[in-house]
Protein backbone atom coordinates (compact mmCIF):
# COMPACT_ATOMS: atom_id res chain seq x y z
CA MET A 1 63.01 37.18 96.12
CA ILE A 2 65.27 34.62 97.16
CA ILE A 3 67.30 34.67 93.71
CA SER A 4 67.08 38.27 93.43
CA GLY A 5 68.64 38.15 97.27
CA ILE A 6 71.31 35.58 95.10
CA VAL A 7 71.90 38.37 92.46
CA PHE A 8 72.57 41.27 95.09
CA ILE A 9 74.86 39.13 96.63
CA LEU A 10 76.80 37.81 93.45
CA LEU A 11 76.60 41.64 92.23
CA LEU A 12 78.07 42.80 95.25
CA THR A 13 81.14 40.35 95.06
CA LEU A 14 81.91 41.38 91.70
CA GLY A 15 82.63 44.66 93.08
CA LEU A 16 80.44 46.69 91.55
CA PRO A 17 79.08 50.26 92.83
CA ILE A 18 76.31 49.90 95.13
CA ALA A 19 73.83 51.45 93.20
CA PHE A 20 74.29 49.41 90.33
CA VAL A 21 73.91 46.35 92.73
CA ILE A 22 70.55 47.62 94.20
CA LEU A 23 69.27 48.40 90.84
CA GLY A 24 70.57 45.24 88.93
CA ALA A 25 68.84 42.89 91.44
CA SER A 26 65.69 44.99 90.89
CA VAL A 27 65.42 44.88 87.47
CA PHE A 28 66.31 41.18 87.82
CA TYR A 29 62.78 40.94 89.97
CA PHE A 30 60.61 42.98 88.10
CA SER A 31 62.23 41.17 84.46
CA LEU A 32 60.70 38.12 85.74
CA ASN A 33 57.07 39.52 85.11
CA PRO A 34 56.91 41.12 81.89
CA MET A 35 53.86 42.97 82.66
CA MET A 36 55.89 45.00 85.65
CA ALA A 37 59.06 45.54 83.29
CA SER A 38 58.51 49.27 83.03
CA THR A 39 57.87 49.67 86.85
CA VAL A 40 61.86 50.41 86.98
CA ALA A 41 62.12 53.43 84.99
CA GLN A 42 58.70 54.71 86.66
CA ARG A 43 59.61 54.29 89.92
CA MET A 44 63.43 55.76 89.63
CA ALA A 45 61.38 59.16 87.90
CA SER A 46 59.08 59.04 90.42
CA SER A 47 61.30 58.83 93.51
CA LEU A 48 63.10 62.18 92.18
CA GLU A 49 59.99 64.08 91.75
CA SER A 50 60.30 65.73 94.89
CA PHE A 51 60.39 69.47 95.37
CA PRO A 52 62.56 69.30 99.03
CA LEU A 53 65.20 66.91 97.34
CA LEU A 54 66.36 69.77 95.73
CA ALA A 55 67.76 71.25 99.00
CA VAL A 56 70.45 68.38 98.40
CA PRO A 57 72.08 69.93 95.12
CA PHE A 58 71.68 73.37 96.71
CA PHE A 59 73.81 71.94 99.79
CA ILE A 60 76.39 70.11 97.80
CA VAL A 61 76.86 73.37 96.12
CA ALA A 62 77.44 75.35 98.86
CA GLY A 63 79.72 72.89 100.61
CA ALA A 64 81.77 73.02 97.24
CA ALA A 65 82.01 76.78 97.37
CA MET A 66 83.01 76.77 101.39
CA ALA A 67 85.33 74.16 100.76
CA ARG A 68 87.33 76.47 97.61
CA GLY A 69 86.71 79.99 98.81
CA GLY A 70 89.49 80.05 101.48
CA ILE A 71 87.24 78.98 104.34
CA ALA A 72 88.69 75.81 105.48
CA ARG A 73 91.99 77.54 106.07
CA ARG A 74 90.08 80.59 108.33
CA LEU A 75 88.31 77.88 110.26
CA TYR A 76 91.61 75.73 110.32
CA ASP A 77 93.37 78.49 112.43
CA PHE A 78 90.53 79.26 114.67
CA ALA A 79 90.26 75.47 115.61
CA ASP A 80 94.03 75.89 116.15
CA GLY A 81 93.64 78.57 118.35
CA LEU A 82 91.27 76.79 120.29
CA VAL A 83 92.71 73.43 120.79
CA GLY A 84 96.09 73.66 119.12
CA HIS A 85 97.85 73.57 122.79
CA TRP A 86 96.38 70.17 123.96
CA HIS A 87 97.98 66.80 123.45
CA GLY A 88 98.02 65.62 120.01
CA GLY A 89 97.56 69.11 119.23
CA LEU A 90 97.25 68.63 115.39
CA ALA A 91 94.97 65.91 115.53
CA GLN A 92 92.72 68.14 117.92
CA VAL A 93 92.62 70.79 115.32
CA ALA A 94 91.66 67.79 112.86
CA VAL A 95 88.38 67.24 114.77
CA MET A 96 87.32 70.88 115.50
CA ASN A 97 87.84 71.73 112.03
CA SER A 98 85.56 68.75 111.06
CA LEU A 99 83.08 70.32 113.65
CA PHE A 100 82.77 73.59 111.66
CA LEU A 101 83.24 72.06 108.29
CA GLY A 102 80.41 69.40 109.27
CA ALA A 103 78.04 72.83 109.06
CA MET A 104 78.95 73.31 105.53
CA SER A 105 79.70 70.03 103.91
CA GLY A 106 76.60 67.82 105.77
CA SER A 107 78.82 64.75 104.02
CA SER A 108 81.30 62.27 105.80
CA ASN A 109 82.95 61.53 102.59
CA ALA A 110 83.62 64.97 101.80
CA ASP A 111 84.64 66.18 105.61
CA ALA A 112 86.79 63.10 105.65
CA ALA A 113 88.38 63.73 102.20
CA ILE A 114 89.30 67.11 102.99
CA ASP A 115 91.21 66.17 106.28
CA ALA A 116 93.22 63.89 104.54
CA ARG A 117 94.17 66.10 101.44
CA THR A 118 94.97 69.14 103.71
CA ILE A 119 95.66 68.17 107.48
CA ALA A 120 96.93 64.39 107.38
CA PRO A 121 100.10 65.43 105.08
CA ILE A 122 100.93 67.76 107.56
CA MET A 123 100.13 65.48 110.26
CA ARG A 124 102.85 63.07 109.00
CA GLU A 125 105.48 65.95 108.36
CA ARG A 126 104.92 66.44 112.24
CA GLY A 127 105.84 62.74 113.21
CA TYR A 128 102.46 61.41 113.41
CA SER A 129 101.93 57.85 111.94
CA ASN A 130 99.93 57.56 109.17
CA GLY A 131 97.51 55.51 110.18
CA PHE A 132 96.80 57.62 113.23
CA ALA A 133 96.23 60.32 110.82
CA SER A 134 94.10 58.59 108.33
CA VAL A 135 91.88 57.27 111.42
CA VAL A 136 91.36 60.90 112.86
CA SER A 137 90.25 61.90 109.21
CA ALA A 138 88.13 59.53 109.14
CA ALA A 139 86.68 59.36 112.18
CA SER A 140 86.11 63.26 112.80
CA GLY A 141 84.27 63.07 109.40
CA ALA A 142 81.54 61.43 111.73
CA ILE A 143 80.49 64.48 112.86
CA ALA A 144 79.04 66.10 109.39
CA PRO A 145 75.93 63.91 108.84
CA ILE A 146 74.92 64.91 112.16
CA MET A 147 75.67 68.77 112.35
CA PRO A 148 73.08 70.51 109.86
CA PRO A 149 72.63 70.76 106.86
CA SER A 150 73.13 67.04 106.99
CA ILE A 151 72.38 65.24 103.39
CA GLY A 152 71.35 62.26 105.02
CA LEU A 153 68.82 64.17 107.32
CA ILE A 154 67.31 65.54 104.90
CA VAL A 155 67.11 62.13 102.77
CA TYR A 156 65.52 60.62 106.51
CA GLY A 157 63.15 63.77 106.49
CA LEU A 158 61.80 62.93 103.24
CA LEU A 159 61.69 59.36 103.29
CA THR A 160 60.02 59.69 106.71
CA GLU A 161 57.85 62.90 106.09
CA THR A 162 59.52 64.24 109.63
CA SER A 163 60.23 68.00 110.10
CA ILE A 164 63.83 68.41 108.66
CA GLY A 165 64.04 71.46 110.94
CA ARG A 166 63.42 69.40 113.92
CA LEU A 167 65.91 66.76 112.48
CA PHE A 168 68.42 69.59 111.90
CA ILE A 169 67.88 71.32 114.98
CA GLY A 170 68.16 67.65 116.70
CA GLY A 171 71.68 67.12 115.72
CA VAL A 172 73.44 69.89 117.32
CA VAL A 173 73.62 68.69 120.66
CA PRO A 174 74.62 65.02 119.69
CA ALA A 175 77.15 66.57 117.18
CA MET A 176 78.86 68.45 120.32
CA ILE A 177 78.77 65.10 121.89
CA ILE A 178 80.60 63.29 119.23
CA THR A 179 83.21 66.35 119.05
CA ALA A 180 84.08 66.04 122.53
CA ALA A 181 84.28 62.14 122.89
CA LEU A 182 86.46 62.32 119.64
CA LEU A 183 88.94 65.47 121.23
CA LEU A 184 89.02 63.04 124.74
CA THR A 185 89.90 60.13 122.70
CA VAL A 186 92.62 61.67 120.49
CA ARG A 187 93.92 63.14 124.01
CA TYR A 188 94.05 59.55 125.04
CA VAL A 189 95.77 58.44 122.75
CA ALA A 190 98.05 60.96 122.19
CA LYS A 191 99.38 61.32 125.71
CA ARG A 192 100.03 57.05 125.09
CA ARG A 193 102.17 57.82 121.99
CA GLY A 194 103.75 61.16 122.90
CA TYR A 195 102.44 63.18 120.50
CA LYS A 196 102.89 66.74 121.41
CA PRO A 197 100.68 69.87 121.43
CA GLU A 198 101.46 72.63 118.80
CA ARG A 199 102.55 74.97 121.38
CA GLN A 200 102.87 74.66 125.27
CA GLU A 201 100.55 77.71 125.93
CA ARG A 202 97.22 78.47 124.62
CA LEU A 203 96.65 81.85 122.72
CA PRO A 204 95.91 85.01 124.28
CA ALA A 205 91.95 85.24 123.88
CA ARG A 206 92.85 88.42 121.66
CA GLN A 207 94.47 86.75 118.91
CA ILE A 208 91.79 83.55 119.43
CA ALA A 209 89.17 86.69 118.86
CA THR A 210 91.27 87.64 115.74
CA ARG A 211 91.45 84.28 114.19
CA ALA A 212 87.37 84.10 115.08
CA ARG A 213 86.84 87.39 113.16
CA ALA A 214 88.88 86.05 110.24
CA ALA A 215 86.81 83.07 110.07
CA LEU A 216 83.14 84.82 111.16
CA TRP A 217 81.42 84.80 107.57
CA ALA A 218 82.14 80.98 107.38
CA LEU A 219 80.85 80.61 111.01
CA ALA A 220 78.20 82.64 110.41
CA MET A 221 76.24 79.95 107.78
CA PRO A 222 75.09 77.62 110.77
CA VAL A 223 73.68 80.34 112.39
CA LEU A 224 71.81 81.13 109.44
CA LEU A 225 70.62 77.68 108.84
CA ILE A 226 69.48 77.24 112.74
CA VAL A 227 67.75 80.92 112.84
CA GLY A 228 66.11 80.76 109.17
CA LEU A 229 64.38 77.38 110.23
CA ARG A 230 63.39 78.18 113.63
CA GLY A 231 62.08 81.68 112.36
CA GLY A 232 60.23 80.09 109.66
CA TRP A 233 61.82 82.56 107.12
CA PHE A 234 62.70 79.60 105.06
CA THR A 235 62.03 76.01 103.87
CA PRO A 236 64.84 73.47 103.94
CA THR A 237 64.88 73.46 100.05
CA GLU A 238 64.66 77.60 100.00
CA LEU A 239 67.61 77.27 102.66
CA GLY A 240 69.93 75.25 100.40
CA ALA A 241 69.42 77.92 97.32
CA ILE A 242 70.26 80.73 100.14
CA ALA A 243 73.03 78.90 101.55
CA ALA A 244 74.53 78.42 97.88
CA LEU A 245 73.84 82.07 97.23
CA TYR A 246 75.37 82.90 100.08
CA ALA A 247 78.65 80.41 99.96
CA PHE A 248 79.16 81.86 96.53
CA LEU A 249 79.23 85.86 97.40
CA VAL A 250 81.73 85.13 100.41
CA GLY A 251 84.13 83.07 98.35
CA ILE A 252 84.34 85.32 95.63
CA PHE A 253 83.87 88.81 96.87
CA ILE A 254 85.45 88.66 100.54
CA TYR A 255 87.45 86.00 100.83
CA ARG A 256 88.52 85.96 97.03
CA GLY A 257 89.32 82.00 97.39
CA PHE A 258 88.22 81.48 93.92
CA GLY A 259 87.01 83.75 90.57
CA MET A 260 84.37 83.59 88.34
CA SER A 261 86.58 81.40 86.13
CA GLU A 262 86.20 78.63 88.17
CA THR A 263 82.46 78.84 89.09
CA TYR A 264 82.39 75.76 85.82
CA GLU A 265 84.51 73.22 87.90
CA LEU A 266 82.93 74.03 90.87
CA LEU A 267 79.56 73.56 89.38
CA ARG A 268 80.62 70.40 87.36
CA GLU A 269 82.23 68.79 90.91
CA SER A 270 79.00 69.54 92.51
CA ALA A 271 76.60 68.05 89.66
CA LEU A 272 78.60 64.27 89.62
CA THR A 273 78.20 64.58 93.71
CA THR A 274 74.35 65.35 92.85
CA ALA A 275 74.07 62.71 90.70
CA ASN A 276 75.66 60.01 92.62
CA VAL A 277 73.39 60.65 95.77
CA LEU A 278 70.18 60.72 93.36
CA PHE A 279 70.87 58.11 91.58
CA ILE A 280 71.52 56.00 95.21
CA VAL A 281 68.47 57.27 95.89
CA ALA A 282 66.63 56.45 92.66
CA SER A 283 67.98 52.91 92.61
CA ALA A 284 67.05 52.79 96.16
CA ALA A 285 63.74 53.52 95.99
CA VAL A 286 62.94 50.73 93.20
CA PHE A 287 64.73 48.03 95.58
CA SER A 288 62.38 49.58 98.52
CA LEU A 289 59.24 48.70 96.37
CA VAL A 290 60.32 44.77 96.04
CA LEU A 291 60.59 44.77 99.79
CA ALA A 292 57.14 46.20 99.85
CA LEU A 293 55.93 43.85 97.14
CA GLU A 294 57.27 40.93 99.03
CA GLN A 295 55.73 42.22 102.37
CA VAL A 296 59.29 42.32 104.56
CA PRO A 297 58.39 45.41 106.54
CA GLN A 298 55.41 43.41 108.05
CA ALA A 299 57.70 40.28 108.49
CA LEU A 300 60.52 42.21 109.98
CA LEU A 301 58.08 44.04 112.39
CA SER A 302 56.28 41.01 113.55
CA GLY A 303 60.21 39.12 114.10
CA LEU A 304 61.10 41.70 116.05
CA LEU A 305 57.98 42.08 118.19
CA THR A 306 58.57 38.59 118.76
CA LEU A 307 61.55 38.71 120.17
CA SER A 308 60.64 42.01 122.50
CA ASP A 309 58.04 44.42 122.90
CA ASN A 310 60.43 46.78 124.72
CA LYS A 311 61.92 49.88 122.16
CA TYR A 312 65.02 50.01 124.28
CA VAL A 313 65.90 46.37 123.14
CA VAL A 314 64.82 46.71 119.73
CA LEU A 315 66.53 49.66 119.14
CA LEU A 316 69.85 48.07 120.56
CA ILE A 317 69.27 44.92 117.94
CA LEU A 318 68.68 47.49 114.96
CA ASN A 319 71.99 48.65 115.90
CA VAL A 320 73.99 45.52 116.12
CA LEU A 321 72.20 45.00 112.76
CA LEU A 322 73.06 48.59 111.20
CA LEU A 323 76.44 48.46 112.38
CA VAL A 324 77.21 45.56 110.35
CA LEU A 325 74.96 46.27 107.32
CA GLY A 326 77.01 49.77 107.45
CA THR A 327 80.45 48.09 106.84
CA MET A 328 79.12 46.95 103.50
CA LEU A 329 76.43 48.81 101.92
CA GLU A 330 76.97 52.71 101.30
CA GLY A 331 74.96 54.56 104.19
CA LEU A 332 72.51 56.45 101.94
CA ALA A 333 71.75 53.70 100.07
CA LEU A 334 71.27 51.81 103.26
CA MET A 335 69.29 54.24 104.95
CA VAL A 336 67.08 54.44 101.78
CA ILE A 337 66.32 50.59 101.51
CA LEU A 338 65.85 50.10 105.16
CA VAL A 339 64.09 53.47 106.62
CA PRO A 340 60.47 52.44 105.11
CA ILE A 341 60.38 49.27 106.51
CA LEU A 342 62.10 50.53 110.18
CA ILE A 343 60.05 53.56 110.62
CA GLU A 344 57.03 51.49 110.82
CA VAL A 345 58.60 49.50 113.67
CA THR A 346 59.54 52.81 115.53
CA ARG A 347 55.93 53.84 115.32
CA THR A 348 54.80 50.72 116.63
CA LEU A 349 56.96 51.16 119.54
CA GLY A 350 56.50 54.96 120.23
CA ILE A 351 59.83 56.16 119.40
CA ASP A 352 60.32 59.61 118.05
CA PRO A 353 61.09 59.65 114.51
CA VAL A 354 63.97 62.86 114.93
CA HIS A 355 65.44 60.32 117.78
CA PHE A 356 65.53 57.33 115.64
CA GLY A 357 66.48 59.18 112.67
CA ILE A 358 69.48 60.77 114.55
CA VAL A 359 70.49 57.41 115.64
CA LEU A 360 70.05 56.01 112.48
CA VAL A 361 72.21 58.58 110.43
CA PHE A 362 74.81 58.17 112.98
CA ASN A 363 75.16 54.32 113.08
CA THR A 364 75.73 53.79 109.19
CA THR A 365 78.27 56.65 109.37
CA ILE A 366 80.07 54.64 111.73
CA GLY A 367 79.96 51.58 109.80
CA SER A 368 80.82 53.51 106.86
CA ILE A 369 84.54 54.12 108.54
CA THR A 370 84.31 50.67 109.55
CA PRO A 371 86.51 47.93 108.11
CA PRO A 372 86.52 46.06 105.84
CA VAL A 373 84.20 47.58 103.44
CA GLY A 374 83.24 51.24 104.85
CA THR A 375 83.14 53.75 102.10
CA VAL A 376 84.80 56.34 104.11
CA LEU A 377 87.23 53.98 105.18
CA TYR A 378 88.16 53.56 101.69
CA THR A 379 87.77 57.40 100.53
CA VAL A 380 90.65 58.32 103.36
CA CYS A 381 93.11 55.11 102.77
CA SER A 382 93.61 55.95 98.92
CA ILE A 383 94.21 59.74 99.75
CA THR A 384 96.48 58.69 102.48
CA ARG A 385 97.93 55.46 100.77
CA CYS A 386 97.30 53.62 104.47
CA SER A 387 96.96 50.28 104.48
CA ILE A 388 93.75 48.73 105.99
CA GLU A 389 95.68 46.95 108.58
CA GLU A 390 97.21 49.63 110.14
CA PHE A 391 94.12 52.03 109.82
CA THR A 392 92.05 48.86 111.90
CA ARG A 393 94.90 48.83 114.51
CA ASP A 394 94.67 52.71 115.12
CA PHE A 395 90.93 52.53 114.70
CA LEU A 396 89.98 50.73 117.90
CA PRO A 397 89.82 53.15 120.55
CA PHE A 398 88.30 55.75 118.06
CA LEU A 399 85.53 52.92 117.03
CA ALA A 400 84.88 52.35 120.94
CA SER A 401 84.49 55.91 121.74
CA LEU A 402 81.84 56.40 118.75
CA ILE A 403 79.67 52.97 119.46
CA GLY A 404 79.99 54.67 123.27
CA VAL A 405 77.92 57.84 121.85
CA LEU A 406 75.89 55.87 119.90
CA LEU A 407 74.58 53.83 123.25
CA LEU A 408 74.14 56.75 124.59
CA LEU A 409 72.25 58.83 122.04
CA THR A 410 69.86 55.63 121.58
CA PHE A 411 68.76 55.34 125.59
CA VAL A 412 68.88 59.04 126.50
CA PRO A 413 66.68 60.45 123.67
CA PRO A 414 66.39 63.77 125.58
CA LEU A 415 69.90 64.48 124.04
CA VAL A 416 68.56 64.21 120.55
CA THR A 417 64.75 65.59 121.20
CA PHE A 418 65.41 68.52 124.27
CA LEU A 419 66.52 71.08 121.61
CA PRO A 420 63.91 70.28 118.60
CA ASN A 421 60.98 70.23 121.29
CA LEU A 422 62.18 73.49 122.83
CA LEU A 423 62.57 75.50 119.62
CA PHE A 424 59.66 74.05 117.57
């Protein structure tokens, strides 16, 4: 195990993609015992033999169709109508837009990349610094993994056998709190820097209603998710298929954002994203088997309980640990590796699995935005050509805001569990 850990660090230092780092360390571990050499392929295959896991490619296709189908522009116009008159109006619009897009993409990387390509260039033209535009694009991406349909919550639900419907509903209130915190942070920074509103007066209610009607088909999708799950009409997997079909029909026939000729490219893009996600899941499943064979979960459990048997103290320790690890490892891979270990800790301490799932996913999302090696950070900076130093300076107030929300969600569980307990 020690030698495998050294291999893991070495491969990570060489800059290999995290999935190959995890898989390489696992292959080295099993290669030391020729009798178990076939375990790697068997474990990778068996980890993907899951019907609920089909929800991942379906929601990825739905998000891609929504992004291409002219929906993003209509959501942008609606968000502008709501908050464009606030200080730092364009940045406020970016945050609200991420709330709406998060209900479709389910991925912080996808949402941040859309903002970095579409809104960040306009922000720079209007006098915003490149660092601030990049930070707003990245930080607002933290909403998507919490807002249903979150890919991270689907994977967590599969790993822990927690109701995905309850996880989806449990993410709604936290997503709203994150949005409010980011809006207030943008306002604070914008007032200090003199970033002006897009207009001096708020739009008349009639104009806002007109923009809402234009975006109605897009806004209906999260309602479809919640009502469908609450009514028991669909499983999360079936809902993914329906969401993908819905996004196609809206994009092609209603908004006319793309035609049938572009379907191949859309499906190709979705297939590449799906392959990336599922390869991480399969590789991490092998590594989690290594951890199980070495009885790491039991050692971690006994170690944490030695420190404290207070669940809030343990949650605080786990938050610090995950924030640090999240800056170095891809969030989904980190979750697949650690969840089988940590879920035993939370069950022993009586922590609600829905509450822990939201806290865990949000924590790893913050890590993915945080320097030095956050994945969302590098995605955005590669698009906007922003230096890590400039990003880091402008990110500090947003980091404080996101960690404040994380602590709030950690120590006030009803913010997460109230809606699921009410509706399920």
